[in-house]
Amino acid sequence: MTHDDLYELFRPLAPVSLKRMFGGTGVYLDGRIIAIEIDGVVYLKADQETQGRFEEEGLKPFTYEAKGKTMTMRYYQMPDEAYEDPDAFRPWFKLAADAAGRAPLQKKKTAR
């Protein structure tokens, strides 16, 4: 998925910014990360309040290998129909945006 594809996906719902990160792309709304794209798959941010909704739909979390262990992050695969239909994407976008809004903002590191 290209940067243009990500912009087109999110543009009908909100102005987002994109940032390359760990082999993929982070999607930010108002300075908060709401999604990541890895290998063409979009994973939406979840938290304790929203994780169950993603799991009810059978959506898989983002995982990666580190130091011989499988690590799981609270980002869940976006449903297939949400890629093509803004109306299908809207409730999932809202879940991700709400989860991001509840997360503390990361403070920028200052140079010494």
N, C-alpha and C. Protein backbone atom coordinates (compact mmCIF):
# COMPACT_ATOMS: atom_id res chain seq x y z
N MET A 1 0.86 -1.18 0.00
CA MET A 1 0.00 0.00 0.00
C MET A 1 0.90 1.23 0.00
N THR A 2 0.65 2.14 -0.90
CA THR A 2 1.46 3.35 -1.01
C THR A 2 0.95 4.43 -0.05
N HIS A 3 1.75 5.48 0.10
CA HIS A 3 1.31 6.62 0.92
C HIS A 3 0.03 7.21 0.35
N ASP A 4 -0.04 7.32 -0.98
CA ASP A 4 -1.25 7.85 -1.61
C ASP A 4 -2.46 7.00 -1.28
N ASP A 5 -2.30 5.67 -1.28
CA ASP A 5 -3.40 4.77 -0.93
C ASP A 5 -3.88 5.02 0.50
N LEU A 6 -2.93 5.20 1.42
CA LEU A 6 -3.30 5.46 2.82
C LEU A 6 -4.04 6.79 2.95
N TYR A 7 -3.52 7.82 2.29
CA TYR A 7 -4.22 9.12 2.33
C TYR A 7 -5.64 8.98 1.79
N GLU A 8 -5.79 8.28 0.68
CA GLU A 8 -7.12 8.10 0.08
C GLU A 8 -8.06 7.33 1.00
N LEU A 9 -7.54 6.38 1.73
CA LEU A 9 -8.35 5.60 2.66
C LEU A 9 -8.88 6.47 3.79
N PHE A 10 -8.00 7.30 4.37
CA PHE A 10 -8.37 8.09 5.55
C PHE A 10 -8.97 9.45 5.21
N ARG A 11 -8.68 9.98 4.02
CA ARG A 11 -9.09 11.35 3.66
C ARG A 11 -10.58 11.62 3.82
N PRO A 12 -11.48 10.71 3.46
CA PRO A 12 -12.90 11.03 3.64
C PRO A 12 -13.32 11.21 5.11
N LEU A 13 -12.49 10.73 6.03
CA LEU A 13 -12.87 10.77 7.44
C LEU A 13 -12.14 11.82 8.25
N ALA A 14 -10.87 12.07 7.91
CA ALA A 14 -10.10 13.02 8.71
C ALA A 14 -8.77 13.33 8.02
N PRO A 15 -8.22 14.51 8.28
CA PRO A 15 -6.89 14.82 7.76
C PRO A 15 -5.84 14.11 8.61
N VAL A 16 -5.10 13.22 8.01
CA VAL A 16 -4.08 12.47 8.73
C VAL A 16 -2.70 12.82 8.20
N SER A 17 -1.70 12.50 8.98
CA SER A 17 -0.32 12.61 8.51
C SER A 17 0.29 11.21 8.59
N LEU A 18 1.29 10.98 7.77
CA LEU A 18 1.93 9.67 7.69
C LEU A 18 3.40 9.80 8.03
N LYS A 19 3.94 8.76 8.67
CA LYS A 19 5.35 8.77 9.04
C LYS A 19 5.88 7.35 8.88
N ARG A 20 6.98 7.21 8.17
CA ARG A 20 7.60 5.90 8.02
C ARG A 20 8.12 5.44 9.38
N MET A 21 7.91 4.15 9.65
CA MET A 21 8.38 3.60 10.92
C MET A 21 8.52 2.09 10.83
N PHE A 22 9.50 1.54 11.48
CA PHE A 22 9.81 0.11 11.57
C PHE A 22 9.30 -0.74 10.41
N GLY A 23 9.69 -0.37 9.21
CA GLY A 23 9.32 -1.16 8.05
C GLY A 23 7.92 -0.93 7.54
N GLY A 24 7.24 0.06 8.06
CA GLY A 24 5.88 0.34 7.64
C GLY A 24 5.61 1.82 7.73
N THR A 25 4.36 2.17 7.96
CA THR A 25 3.95 3.57 8.04
C THR A 25 3.00 3.76 9.21
N GLY A 26 3.23 4.82 9.98
CA GLY A 26 2.32 5.20 11.04
C GLY A 26 1.33 6.23 10.51
N VAL A 27 0.08 6.12 10.92
CA VAL A 27 -0.96 7.06 10.52
C VAL A 27 -1.34 7.86 11.77
N TYR A 28 -1.24 9.18 11.67
CA TYR A 28 -1.45 10.06 12.82
C TYR A 28 -2.64 10.99 12.59
N LEU A 29 -3.38 11.19 13.66
CA LEU A 29 -4.48 12.14 13.68
C LEU A 29 -4.25 13.07 14.87
N ASP A 30 -4.11 14.34 14.60
CA ASP A 30 -3.86 15.33 15.67
C ASP A 30 -2.68 14.93 16.55
N GLY A 31 -1.62 14.43 15.92
CA GLY A 31 -0.40 14.08 16.65
C GLY A 31 -0.42 12.76 17.37
N ARG A 32 -1.49 12.02 17.24
CA ARG A 32 -1.62 10.72 17.90
C ARG A 32 -1.71 9.62 16.86
N ILE A 33 -1.00 8.53 17.10
CA ILE A 33 -1.02 7.44 16.14
C ILE A 33 -2.33 6.67 16.26
N ILE A 34 -2.98 6.47 15.12
CA ILE A 34 -4.27 5.76 15.12
C ILE A 34 -4.20 4.46 14.34
N ALA A 35 -3.14 4.29 13.54
CA ALA A 35 -3.04 3.08 12.74
C ALA A 35 -1.60 2.89 12.29
N ILE A 36 -1.29 1.66 11.92
CA ILE A 36 -0.02 1.36 11.29
C ILE A 36 -0.30 0.53 10.05
N GLU A 37 0.54 0.69 9.06
CA GLU A 37 0.44 -0.11 7.84
C GLU A 37 1.75 -0.88 7.72
N ILE A 38 1.64 -2.19 7.63
CA ILE A 38 2.79 -3.07 7.48
C ILE A 38 2.49 -4.04 6.35
N ASP A 39 3.37 -4.09 5.37
CA ASP A 39 3.21 -5.02 4.24
C ASP A 39 1.83 -4.96 3.60
N GLY A 40 1.29 -3.75 3.46
CA GLY A 40 0.02 -3.58 2.79
C GLY A 40 -1.21 -3.82 3.65
N VAL A 41 -1.01 -4.15 4.91
CA VAL A 41 -2.13 -4.40 5.83
C VAL A 41 -2.22 -3.24 6.81
N VAL A 42 -3.43 -2.73 6.98
CA VAL A 42 -3.66 -1.64 7.93
C VAL A 42 -4.16 -2.24 9.25
N TYR A 43 -3.49 -1.84 10.33
CA TYR A 43 -3.87 -2.25 11.67
C TYR A 43 -4.31 -1.00 12.42
N LEU A 44 -5.48 -1.05 13.03
CA LEU A 44 -6.04 0.09 13.74
C LEU A 44 -5.78 0.00 15.23
N LYS A 45 -5.52 1.14 15.85
CA LYS A 45 -5.22 1.19 17.28
C LYS A 45 -6.43 0.74 18.10
N ALA A 46 -6.14 -0.05 19.11
CA ALA A 46 -7.17 -0.49 20.06
C ALA A 46 -6.64 -0.21 21.46
N ASP A 47 -7.52 -0.27 22.42
CA ASP A 47 -7.12 -0.18 23.82
C ASP A 47 -8.04 -1.11 24.61
N GLN A 48 -7.95 -1.02 25.93
CA GLN A 48 -8.74 -1.92 26.77
C GLN A 48 -10.23 -1.81 26.47
N GLU A 49 -10.69 -0.60 26.16
CA GLU A 49 -12.12 -0.40 25.89
C GLU A 49 -12.58 -0.93 24.53
N THR A 50 -11.68 -0.93 23.55
CA THR A 50 -12.10 -1.28 22.19
C THR A 50 -11.58 -2.63 21.69
N GLN A 51 -10.62 -3.19 22.36
CA GLN A 51 -10.00 -4.44 21.92
C GLN A 51 -11.03 -5.55 21.70
N GLY A 52 -11.99 -5.67 22.58
CA GLY A 52 -13.01 -6.71 22.47
C GLY A 52 -13.81 -6.62 21.19
N ARG A 53 -14.07 -5.41 20.71
CA ARG A 53 -14.84 -5.24 19.47
C ARG A 53 -14.08 -5.82 18.28
N PHE A 54 -12.77 -5.59 18.24
CA PHE A 54 -11.95 -6.15 17.17
C PHE A 54 -11.93 -7.68 17.26
N GLU A 55 -11.80 -8.18 18.48
CA GLU A 55 -11.75 -9.63 18.67
C GLU A 55 -13.08 -10.30 18.33
N GLU A 56 -14.20 -9.63 18.63
CA GLU A 56 -15.52 -10.16 18.28
C GLU A 56 -15.64 -10.41 16.78
N GLU A 57 -14.99 -9.58 15.98
CA GLU A 57 -15.03 -9.70 14.52
C GLU A 57 -13.99 -10.69 14.00
N GLY A 58 -13.20 -11.26 14.92
CA GLY A 58 -12.17 -12.21 14.50
C GLY A 58 -10.96 -11.55 13.86
N LEU A 59 -10.76 -10.27 14.12
CA LEU A 59 -9.63 -9.55 13.55
C LEU A 59 -8.37 -9.83 14.36
N LYS A 60 -7.28 -10.01 13.66
CA LYS A 60 -6.02 -10.42 14.29
C LYS A 60 -5.19 -9.21 14.70
N PRO A 61 -4.49 -9.31 15.85
CA PRO A 61 -3.61 -8.23 16.27
C PRO A 61 -2.30 -8.26 15.48
N PHE A 62 -1.61 -7.14 15.47
CA PHE A 62 -0.29 -7.06 14.87
C PHE A 62 0.69 -7.74 15.80
N THR A 63 1.48 -8.66 15.26
CA THR A 63 2.52 -9.33 16.03
C THR A 63 3.85 -9.22 15.31
N TYR A 64 4.93 -9.34 16.07
CA TYR A 64 6.28 -9.35 15.49
C TYR A 64 7.17 -10.17 16.40
N GLU A 65 8.31 -10.59 15.87
CA GLU A 65 9.27 -11.38 16.63
C GLU A 65 10.37 -10.47 17.18
N ALA A 66 10.71 -10.67 18.45
CA ALA A 66 11.79 -9.93 19.10
C ALA A 66 12.45 -10.82 20.13
N LYS A 67 13.73 -11.00 20.01
CA LYS A 67 14.50 -11.80 20.98
C LYS A 67 13.91 -13.19 21.16
N GLY A 68 13.46 -13.77 20.05
CA GLY A 68 12.93 -15.13 20.09
C GLY A 68 11.53 -15.26 20.63
N LYS A 69 10.85 -14.15 20.87
CA LYS A 69 9.49 -14.17 21.38
C LYS A 69 8.54 -13.47 20.41
N THR A 70 7.30 -13.90 20.41
CA THR A 70 6.29 -13.22 19.62
C THR A 70 5.69 -12.11 20.48
N MET A 71 5.79 -10.90 19.98
CA MET A 71 5.26 -9.74 20.68
C MET A 71 3.94 -9.34 20.01
N THR A 72 2.95 -8.97 20.81
CA THR A 72 1.65 -8.56 20.30
C THR A 72 1.40 -7.11 20.68
N MET A 73 0.98 -6.33 19.71
CA MET A 73 0.65 -4.93 19.96
C MET A 73 -0.86 -4.75 19.87
N ARG A 74 -1.37 -3.71 20.47
CA ARG A 74 -2.82 -3.43 20.43
C ARG A 74 -3.19 -2.65 19.17
N TYR A 75 -2.88 -3.25 18.06
CA TYR A 75 -3.30 -2.77 16.75
C TYR A 75 -3.91 -3.97 16.06
N TYR A 76 -5.13 -3.81 15.55
CA TYR A 76 -5.85 -4.94 14.96
C TYR A 76 -6.10 -4.71 13.48
N GLN A 77 -6.01 -5.81 12.73
CA GLN A 77 -6.27 -5.78 11.30
C GLN A 77 -7.60 -5.11 11.00
N MET A 78 -7.59 -4.27 10.00
CA MET A 78 -8.82 -3.63 9.57
C MET A 78 -9.64 -4.63 8.76
N PRO A 79 -10.96 -4.65 8.92
CA PRO A 79 -11.78 -5.57 8.13
C PRO A 79 -11.62 -5.29 6.62
N ASP A 80 -11.65 -6.34 5.83
CA ASP A 80 -11.46 -6.22 4.38
C ASP A 80 -12.42 -5.23 3.74
N GLU A 81 -13.70 -5.26 4.14
CA GLU A 81 -14.68 -4.39 3.50
C GLU A 81 -14.41 -2.91 3.77
N ALA A 82 -13.67 -2.60 4.83
CA ALA A 82 -13.39 -1.20 5.18
C ALA A 82 -12.41 -0.55 4.22
N TYR A 83 -11.63 -1.35 3.47
CA TYR A 83 -10.69 -0.78 2.51
C TYR A 83 -11.42 -0.12 1.34
N GLU A 84 -12.56 -0.64 0.98
CA GLU A 84 -13.27 -0.18 -0.21
C GLU A 84 -14.49 0.69 0.07
N ASP A 85 -15.00 0.66 1.28
CA ASP A 85 -16.25 1.33 1.59
C ASP A 85 -16.08 2.28 2.78
N PRO A 86 -16.08 3.60 2.54
CA PRO A 86 -15.93 4.54 3.65
C PRO A 86 -16.97 4.36 4.75
N ASP A 87 -18.19 3.96 4.38
CA ASP A 87 -19.22 3.74 5.41
C ASP A 87 -18.88 2.55 6.29
N ALA A 88 -18.26 1.53 5.71
CA ALA A 88 -17.84 0.36 6.50
C ALA A 88 -16.61 0.71 7.34
N PHE A 89 -15.78 1.63 6.85
CA PHE A 89 -14.57 2.03 7.56
C PHE A 89 -14.86 2.94 8.74
N ARG A 90 -15.88 3.79 8.60
CA ARG A 90 -16.18 4.84 9.59
C ARG A 90 -16.22 4.34 11.04
N PRO A 91 -16.97 3.27 11.38
CA PRO A 91 -17.01 2.86 12.79
C PRO A 91 -15.67 2.33 13.30
N TRP A 92 -14.88 1.72 12.43
CA TRP A 92 -13.57 1.21 12.84
C TRP A 92 -12.60 2.36 13.03
N PHE A 93 -12.68 3.36 12.16
CA PHE A 93 -11.88 4.56 12.30
C PHE A 93 -12.18 5.22 13.63
N LYS A 94 -13.46 5.33 13.97
CA LYS A 94 -13.86 5.96 15.23
C LYS A 94 -13.30 5.20 16.43
N LEU A 95 -13.34 3.87 16.39
CA LEU A 95 -12.76 3.09 17.48
C LEU A 95 -11.27 3.40 17.65
N ALA A 96 -10.55 3.46 16.53
CA ALA A 96 -9.12 3.74 16.58
C ALA A 96 -8.84 5.15 17.06
N ALA A 97 -9.61 6.12 16.56
CA ALA A 97 -9.42 7.51 16.97
C ALA A 97 -9.73 7.69 18.46
N ASP A 98 -10.78 7.05 18.93
CA ASP A 98 -11.12 7.13 20.35
C ASP A 98 -10.04 6.50 21.22
N ALA A 99 -9.50 5.35 20.80
CA ALA A 99 -8.43 4.70 21.56
C ALA A 99 -7.20 5.59 21.59
N ALA A 100 -6.87 6.20 20.46
CA ALA A 100 -5.72 7.10 20.41
C ALA A 100 -5.93 8.31 21.30
N GLY A 101 -7.16 8.81 21.32
CA GLY A 101 -7.47 9.98 22.16
C GLY A 101 -7.33 9.71 23.64
N ARG A 102 -7.52 8.46 24.04
CA ARG A 102 -7.39 8.11 25.46
C ARG A 102 -5.94 7.83 25.85
N ALA A 103 -5.07 7.61 24.87
CA ALA A 103 -3.66 7.30 25.16
C ALA A 103 -2.92 8.59 25.49
N PRO A 104 -1.96 8.51 26.41
CA PRO A 104 -1.19 9.71 26.72
C PRO A 104 -0.33 10.11 25.52
N LEU A 105 -0.18 11.42 25.32
CA LEU A 105 0.68 11.91 24.24
C LEU A 105 2.14 11.61 24.60
N GLN A 106 2.91 11.18 23.61
CA GLN A 106 4.33 10.94 23.82
C GLN A 106 5.04 12.29 23.83
N LYS A 107 5.89 12.49 24.82
CA LYS A 107 6.66 13.72 24.88
C LYS A 107 7.85 13.60 23.93
N LYS A 108 8.13 14.70 23.23
CA LYS A 108 9.28 14.71 22.33
C LYS A 108 10.55 14.79 23.15
N LYS A 109 11.55 14.02 22.72
CA LYS A 109 12.84 14.05 23.40
C LYS A 109 13.58 15.32 22.99
N THR A 110 14.22 15.94 23.96
CA THR A 110 14.97 17.16 23.68
C THR A 110 16.43 16.81 23.53
N ALA A 111 17.11 17.52 22.66
CA ALA A 111 18.55 17.31 22.45
C ALA A 111 19.30 17.90 23.63
N ARG A 112 20.37 17.25 23.98
CA ARG A 112 21.20 17.77 25.09
C ARG A 112 22.38 18.50 24.59
